[in-house]
Amino acid sequence: MSTFYFFSGGIAALAGVAALFQSSWRALYVFTSLPSLAFALAVLPFVSESPRWFLVRHRAHDALRVLRDIASKNGRVFPDGVTLKLDDDVEEDDENVDKNNKVEEQERNSASDSSILDVFRSRTTRARLVLSVLINLLCSVVYYGLSLNVVNLKTNLYVSVAINSLAEMPAYLLTALLLDRFGRKPLGIGTMLLSGAFCIAGSLIVPGAGAGGAMRIVRMGCGVVGIFGMAATYNLLFIYTAELFPTVVRNAALGCTSQASQMGAILAPLVVVLGERVPFAVFGVSGIVGGLLVFYLPETMNKPLYDTMAGLEEGEKTVLK
C-alpha cells in the first residue's frame, strides 16, 4: 500500500514537469517515458513468483527455493528438513481420508490451468467478482474523472493537479492506519460515500457573477475531498480484492478488476466533457452507488487466505454454520 505514495508523488512531479513542457506534448511524453523504461530493466533481477503460487501448482521445490532466498536476504537461516504441503495434502482423521483424496486429486488436476472460468463456476466467487468489477469500475471513473475535471474548475491547471495529488497522500496514510482497526468493508463503504457526498455538493455549487472566484475555490475544495476519499478506496481495493479470492484464481480475478479499472479510466474523460456541474453529479452518484455495493461483499480482516477453490467453499460453509 505504501507504493501509492510514490504514485501520487509522481503525479505531483508530473504537474511540475508539464509546466516546463507546455510547448510540446511530444517532448513531455519522451521525458516521462524514460524513467519507466529504466525501472523496468532495473527491477527484473529482483522479482519472482510468490511461494504460494508455486505451492498451489505443486511445485514445492520452487516455493522452498524462493523462501530460502527471502531468508538469506533477510539475514536469516532457513531450517533444514522443512517441507511444504497444501492443506489438502495433510492427513486428517481416518473417516475424512477418502474425501480429502478426492479433493486433492481434483485440485491437482485443476490447479495448473485455473482460469477466470473457474471463478464463474463457483457462486461465491462469481458474486464477489461481479461486485468487485463494478466497484473498481465506479472507483476508477471517479478517481480519474476528478483528476481530469480540473479543466472545468477554471483555476490554474498545474496547481490544481498538484493539490489533488498531494491530497491523496494523507488518504493513503489514513487507510494504512485504519485498515486493520476497522476492517476493509467499513473503510471501503465510508471512503466511497465520503467522496460521493462531496462530489454531489460540488455539483450544486454554481459560481455567481459576484463571488465566482470564491465559489470556484469552494468547488475545488469539494473535488479535493472527493479525490481524497476515492484515493483511499483505490488504495484499499488492491488489498481487499486480493483477499476475496483463493490463490489459484487470484491472478485471474485481479486481472478482471484491473481491466474494469482501465475501462473506468477510459470513461472518465467522456464524463468530464459534459460541462462544469454534470461531471460532479456523475462522480457523486458513482461514489454513492459504489459504497452501497461494498455492503454486499464479506469482511476479510482476520480471515484465512485460501489457496484453492475447494478450501474457500469449505471455509464459507463453516462460517455459515
Protein backbone atom coordinates (compact mmCIF):
# COMPACT_ATOMS: atom_id res chain seq x y z
CA MET A 1 0.00 0.00 0.00
CA SER A 2 2.95 2.32 0.61
CA THR A 3 3.77 2.32 -3.09
CA PHE A 4 0.79 4.62 -3.65
CA TYR A 5 2.72 7.47 -2.04
CA PHE A 6 5.09 7.32 -4.98
CA PHE A 7 2.15 7.20 -7.38
CA SER A 8 0.79 10.47 -6.00
CA GLY A 9 4.28 11.92 -5.80
CA GLY A 10 4.73 11.11 -9.46
CA ILE A 11 1.52 12.93 -10.39
CA ALA A 12 2.64 15.98 -8.40
CA ALA A 13 6.00 15.86 -10.16
CA LEU A 14 4.22 15.47 -13.49
CA ALA A 15 2.39 18.75 -12.90
CA GLY A 16 5.74 20.50 -12.49
CA VAL A 17 7.32 18.76 -15.48
CA ALA A 18 4.28 19.51 -17.67
CA ALA A 19 4.58 23.19 -16.79
CA LEU A 20 8.08 23.11 -18.26
CA PHE A 21 6.99 21.41 -21.50
CA GLN A 22 3.86 23.40 -22.32
CA SER A 23 5.03 24.00 -25.87
CA SER A 24 5.42 20.31 -26.83
CA TRP A 25 3.41 17.35 -25.55
CA ARG A 26 5.68 15.03 -27.55
CA ALA A 27 8.69 16.17 -25.56
CA LEU A 28 6.68 15.63 -22.37
CA TYR A 29 5.85 12.06 -23.47
CA VAL A 30 9.51 11.27 -24.15
CA PHE A 31 10.73 12.79 -20.90
CA THR A 32 8.17 10.97 -18.74
CA SER A 33 8.69 7.61 -20.50
CA LEU A 34 12.41 7.31 -19.86
CA PRO A 35 12.15 6.63 -16.08
CA SER A 36 9.61 3.84 -16.73
CA LEU A 37 11.93 2.11 -19.18
CA ALA A 38 14.85 2.41 -16.78
CA PHE A 39 12.78 0.97 -13.93
CA ALA A 40 11.53 -1.99 -15.99
CA LEU A 41 15.10 -3.02 -16.77
CA ALA A 42 16.43 -2.42 -13.26
CA VAL A 43 13.72 -4.38 -11.43
CA LEU A 44 13.92 -7.62 -13.44
CA PRO A 45 16.64 -9.29 -11.29
CA PHE A 46 14.64 -8.70 -8.10
CA VAL A 47 11.20 -10.15 -8.92
CA SER A 48 9.92 -13.73 -8.64
CA GLU A 49 6.69 -15.64 -8.29
CA SER A 50 5.25 -15.99 -4.80
CA PRO A 51 5.79 -19.21 -2.80
CA ARG A 52 2.01 -19.66 -2.56
CA TRP A 53 1.68 -19.54 -6.34
CA PHE A 54 4.32 -22.27 -6.72
CA LEU A 55 2.75 -24.34 -3.94
CA VAL A 56 -0.79 -24.47 -5.35
CA ARG A 57 0.75 -25.76 -8.57
CA HIS A 58 2.53 -28.45 -6.57
CA ARG A 59 5.98 -27.01 -7.25
CA ALA A 60 7.13 -27.23 -3.65
CA HIS A 61 10.79 -27.24 -4.66
CA ASP A 62 10.46 -23.82 -6.34
CA ALA A 63 8.47 -22.47 -3.38
CA LEU A 64 11.22 -23.57 -0.97
CA ARG A 65 13.84 -22.00 -3.22
CA VAL A 66 12.05 -18.63 -3.05
CA LEU A 67 11.65 -18.89 0.73
CA ARG A 68 15.34 -19.71 1.18
CA ASP A 69 16.24 -16.72 -0.98
CA ILE A 70 13.99 -14.46 1.12
CA ALA A 71 15.52 -15.78 4.33
CA SER A 72 19.02 -15.26 3.01
CA LYS A 73 18.34 -11.64 2.03
CA ASN A 74 16.82 -11.01 5.49
CA GLY A 75 19.89 -12.40 7.22
CA ARG A 76 18.01 -15.46 8.50
CA VAL A 77 18.89 -19.15 8.36
CA PHE A 78 16.29 -21.39 6.73
CA PRO A 79 15.89 -24.59 8.81
CA ASP A 80 16.95 -27.90 7.28
CA GLY A 81 14.40 -30.59 6.71
CA VAL A 82 11.49 -28.20 6.16
CA THR A 83 8.89 -29.29 3.62
CA LEU A 84 5.80 -27.57 2.21
CA LYS A 85 2.41 -29.13 1.65
CA LEU A 86 -1.05 -27.93 0.65
CA ASP A 87 -3.87 -28.18 3.15
CA ASP A 88 -5.33 -30.97 1.03
CA ASP A 89 -2.09 -32.95 1.37
CA VAL A 90 -2.25 -33.10 5.16
CA GLU A 91 -3.74 -36.33 6.51
CA GLU A 92 -6.75 -35.88 8.75
CA ASP A 93 -8.91 -38.37 10.63
CA ASP A 94 -9.41 -41.78 9.03
CA GLU A 95 -13.02 -41.04 8.19
CA ASN A 96 -12.01 -37.97 6.14
CA VAL A 97 -9.12 -39.55 4.22
CA ASP A 98 -11.20 -40.67 1.23
CA LYS A 99 -12.85 -37.29 0.92
CA ASN A 100 -9.53 -35.48 1.15
CA ASN A 101 -8.00 -37.72 -1.51
CA LYS A 102 -10.83 -36.85 -3.91
CA VAL A 103 -10.42 -33.13 -3.25
CA GLU A 104 -6.67 -33.44 -3.62
CA GLU A 105 -6.98 -35.20 -6.96
CA GLN A 106 -9.41 -32.59 -8.26
CA GLU A 107 -7.19 -29.72 -7.18
CA ARG A 108 -4.08 -31.34 -8.67
CA ASN A 109 -5.86 -31.65 -12.00
CA SER A 110 -7.17 -28.06 -11.99
CA ALA A 111 -4.53 -26.02 -10.14
CA SER A 112 -2.21 -25.71 -13.11
CA ASP A 113 -4.87 -24.48 -15.56
CA SER A 114 -7.25 -22.47 -13.37
CA SER A 115 -8.74 -19.51 -15.21
CA ILE A 116 -11.46 -16.94 -14.94
CA LEU A 117 -13.96 -19.67 -15.87
CA ASP A 118 -13.27 -21.34 -12.53
CA VAL A 119 -14.25 -18.10 -10.80
CA PHE A 120 -17.64 -18.16 -12.54
CA ARG A 121 -18.27 -21.82 -11.73
CA SER A 122 -18.49 -21.04 -8.03
CA ARG A 123 -21.47 -18.99 -6.86
CA THR A 124 -19.38 -17.48 -4.06
CA THR A 125 -16.52 -16.23 -6.23
CA ARG A 126 -18.87 -15.32 -9.10
CA ALA A 127 -20.81 -12.89 -6.93
CA ARG A 128 -17.61 -11.46 -5.50
CA LEU A 129 -16.12 -10.95 -8.95
CA VAL A 130 -19.19 -9.15 -10.33
CA LEU A 131 -19.29 -6.84 -7.32
CA SER A 132 -15.53 -6.23 -7.42
CA VAL A 133 -15.62 -5.38 -11.13
CA LEU A 134 -18.47 -2.89 -10.66
CA ILE A 135 -16.85 -1.28 -7.59
CA ASN A 136 -13.46 -0.96 -9.29
CA LEU A 137 -15.11 0.49 -12.41
CA LEU A 138 -17.01 3.14 -10.43
CA CYS A 139 -13.99 3.92 -8.27
CA SER A 140 -11.82 4.41 -11.35
CA VAL A 141 -14.39 6.66 -13.06
CA VAL A 142 -14.44 8.94 -10.02
CA TYR A 143 -10.71 8.85 -9.30
CA TYR A 144 -9.51 9.60 -12.83
CA GLY A 145 -12.50 11.80 -13.54
CA LEU A 146 -11.75 14.11 -10.62
CA SER A 147 -8.12 14.25 -11.71
CA LEU A 148 -9.16 15.32 -15.22
CA ASN A 149 -12.02 17.52 -14.09
CA VAL A 150 -9.59 20.27 -13.05
CA VAL A 151 -10.12 21.72 -16.54
CA ASN A 152 -13.72 22.55 -15.54
CA LEU A 153 -12.75 24.30 -12.30
CA LYS A 154 -11.44 27.37 -14.14
CA THR A 155 -8.41 27.53 -11.82
CA ASN A 156 -4.70 27.14 -12.55
CA LEU A 157 -4.41 23.70 -14.17
CA TYR A 158 -0.96 22.81 -12.87
CA VAL A 159 -1.64 23.97 -9.33
CA SER A 160 -4.95 22.08 -9.21
CA VAL A 161 -3.32 18.83 -10.37
CA ALA A 162 -0.56 19.21 -7.77
CA ILE A 163 -3.08 19.90 -4.96
CA ASN A 164 -5.18 16.87 -5.94
CA SER A 165 -2.16 14.58 -5.92
CA LEU A 166 -0.92 15.91 -2.58
CA ALA A 167 -4.41 15.39 -1.10
CA GLU A 168 -4.12 11.69 -1.90
CA MET A 169 -1.11 11.13 0.37
CA PRO A 170 -2.91 11.59 3.72
CA ALA A 171 -5.66 9.33 2.34
CA TYR A 172 -3.14 6.53 1.87
CA LEU A 173 -1.76 7.07 5.36
CA LEU A 174 -5.25 7.05 6.86
CA THR A 175 -6.12 3.84 5.02
CA ALA A 176 -2.96 2.08 6.19
CA LEU A 177 -3.56 3.10 9.82
CA LEU A 178 -7.26 2.19 9.93
CA LEU A 179 -7.36 -0.87 7.68
CA ASP A 180 -6.58 -3.39 10.42
CA ARG A 181 -8.55 -1.50 13.04
CA PHE A 182 -11.94 -1.08 11.37
CA GLY A 183 -11.69 -3.64 8.57
CA ARG A 184 -11.80 -3.49 4.80
CA LYS A 185 -15.56 -3.34 4.36
CA PRO A 186 -16.43 -0.39 6.67
CA LEU A 187 -13.48 1.59 5.39
CA GLY A 188 -14.43 0.93 1.76
CA ILE A 189 -18.02 1.99 2.38
CA GLY A 190 -17.05 5.10 4.32
CA THR A 191 -14.44 6.40 1.86
CA MET A 192 -16.67 5.90 -1.20
CA LEU A 193 -19.65 7.58 0.46
CA LEU A 194 -17.42 10.45 1.61
CA SER A 195 -16.21 11.01 -1.93
CA GLY A 196 -19.71 10.71 -3.38
CA ALA A 197 -21.23 13.16 -0.89
CA PHE A 198 -18.67 15.89 -1.59
CA CYS A 199 -18.95 15.39 -5.35
CA ILE A 200 -22.72 15.84 -5.08
CA ALA A 201 -22.08 19.02 -3.07
CA GLY A 202 -19.70 20.22 -5.79
CA SER A 203 -22.37 19.72 -8.44
CA LEU A 204 -24.74 22.01 -6.52
CA ILE A 205 -22.29 24.93 -6.41
CA VAL A 206 -22.83 27.48 -9.17
CA PRO A 207 -20.19 30.23 -9.31
CA GLY A 208 -22.06 33.52 -9.42
CA ALA A 209 -21.06 36.71 -11.12
CA GLY A 210 -20.02 38.44 -7.90
CA ALA A 211 -18.43 35.69 -5.87
CA GLY A 212 -17.42 33.45 -8.74
CA GLY A 213 -13.78 33.21 -7.66
CA ALA A 214 -14.62 32.22 -4.08
CA MET A 215 -17.19 29.65 -5.18
CA ARG A 216 -14.71 28.12 -7.59
CA ILE A 217 -12.32 27.65 -4.67
CA VAL A 218 -15.10 26.01 -2.66
CA ARG A 219 -15.95 23.73 -5.55
CA MET A 220 -12.28 22.86 -5.95
CA GLY A 221 -12.26 22.01 -2.23
CA CYS A 222 -15.16 19.61 -2.79
CA GLY A 223 -13.16 17.97 -5.56
CA VAL A 224 -10.10 17.69 -3.32
CA VAL A 225 -12.10 15.95 -0.58
CA GLY A 226 -13.74 13.79 -3.24
CA ILE A 227 -10.41 12.60 -4.60
CA PHE A 228 -9.15 12.16 -1.01
CA GLY A 229 -11.93 9.66 -0.30
CA MET A 230 -11.68 7.87 -3.62
CA ALA A 231 -7.89 7.61 -3.42
CA ALA A 232 -8.31 5.90 -0.04
CA THR A 233 -10.80 3.48 -1.64
CA TYR A 234 -8.49 2.84 -4.58
CA ASN A 235 -5.68 2.08 -2.15
CA LEU A 236 -7.56 -0.47 -0.06
CA LEU A 237 -9.25 -2.14 -3.05
CA PHE A 238 -5.93 -3.68 -4.07
CA ILE A 239 -5.73 -5.41 -0.70
CA TYR A 240 -9.44 -6.13 -0.36
CA THR A 241 -9.88 -7.62 -3.84
CA ALA A 242 -6.86 -9.91 -3.46
CA GLU A 243 -8.20 -11.26 -0.17
CA LEU A 244 -11.59 -12.13 -1.65
CA PHE A 245 -10.26 -14.87 -3.95
CA PRO A 246 -8.17 -18.01 -3.39
CA THR A 247 -4.59 -18.14 -4.65
CA VAL A 248 -5.33 -20.45 -7.56
CA VAL A 249 -7.64 -17.91 -9.28
CA ARG A 250 -6.45 -14.69 -7.64
CA ASN A 251 -4.43 -13.54 -10.64
CA ALA A 252 -7.37 -14.11 -13.00
CA ALA A 253 -9.77 -12.23 -10.72
CA LEU A 254 -7.34 -9.35 -10.22
CA GLY A 255 -6.88 -9.21 -13.99
CA CYS A 256 -10.64 -8.70 -14.42
CA THR A 257 -10.86 -5.99 -11.77
CA SER A 258 -7.78 -4.27 -13.19
CA GLN A 259 -9.39 -4.30 -16.63
CA ALA A 260 -12.52 -2.76 -15.09
CA SER A 261 -10.36 -0.01 -13.61
CA GLN A 262 -8.88 0.70 -17.03
CA MET A 263 -12.35 0.87 -18.54
CA GLY A 264 -13.26 3.39 -15.87
CA ALA A 265 -10.22 5.44 -16.82
CA ILE A 266 -11.42 5.37 -20.44
CA LEU A 267 -14.92 6.51 -19.48
CA ALA A 268 -13.73 9.31 -17.18
CA PRO A 269 -12.78 11.79 -19.96
CA LEU A 270 -16.18 11.26 -21.58
CA VAL A 271 -17.80 12.39 -18.34
CA VAL A 272 -15.50 15.39 -17.90
CA VAL A 273 -16.52 16.91 -21.26
CA LEU A 274 -20.16 17.13 -20.13
CA GLY A 275 -19.58 20.56 -18.57
CA GLU A 276 -18.94 22.14 -15.18
CA ARG A 277 -21.71 20.65 -13.00
CA VAL A 278 -22.73 17.36 -14.63
CA PRO A 279 -19.37 15.59 -14.09
CA PHE A 280 -19.52 16.28 -10.34
CA ALA A 281 -23.04 14.83 -10.24
CA VAL A 282 -21.96 11.69 -12.13
CA PHE A 283 -18.96 11.24 -9.84
CA GLY A 284 -21.16 11.72 -6.79
CA VAL A 285 -23.69 9.11 -7.89
CA SER A 286 -20.89 6.70 -8.82
CA GLY A 287 -19.27 7.07 -5.40
CA ILE A 288 -22.52 6.52 -3.53
CA VAL A 289 -23.54 3.51 -5.66
CA GLY A 290 -20.07 2.02 -5.25
CA GLY A 291 -20.25 2.46 -1.49
CA LEU A 292 -23.61 0.69 -1.39
CA LEU A 293 -22.24 -2.21 -3.45
CA VAL A 294 -19.45 -2.75 -0.91
CA PHE A 295 -22.20 -3.64 1.60
CA TYR A 296 -22.66 -6.94 -0.25
CA LEU A 297 -19.01 -8.02 0.00
CA PRO A 298 -17.81 -10.05 3.01
CA GLU A 299 -15.29 -8.73 5.52
CA THR A 300 -11.84 -10.31 5.05
CA MET A 301 -9.97 -8.90 8.05
CA ASN A 302 -8.53 -11.68 10.24
CA LYS A 303 -9.99 -14.28 7.87
CA PRO A 304 -7.88 -17.06 6.31
CA LEU A 305 -6.42 -16.63 2.82
CA TYR A 306 -7.47 -19.73 0.94
CA ASP A 307 -5.23 -21.39 -1.63
CA THR A 308 -7.81 -23.46 -3.51
CA MET A 309 -11.42 -23.15 -4.62
CA ALA A 310 -12.34 -26.20 -2.54
CA GLY A 311 -10.75 -24.65 0.50
CA LEU A 312 -12.76 -21.45 0.02
CA GLU A 313 -16.03 -23.33 -0.37
CA GLU A 314 -15.39 -25.44 2.73
CA GLY A 315 -14.38 -22.35 4.68
CA GLU A 316 -17.54 -20.49 3.66
CA LYS A 317 -19.68 -23.47 4.68
CA THR A 318 -18.01 -23.47 8.09
CA VAL A 319 -18.71 -19.75 8.51
CA LEU A 320 -22.38 -20.19 7.56
CA LYS A 321 -22.75 -23.00 10.08
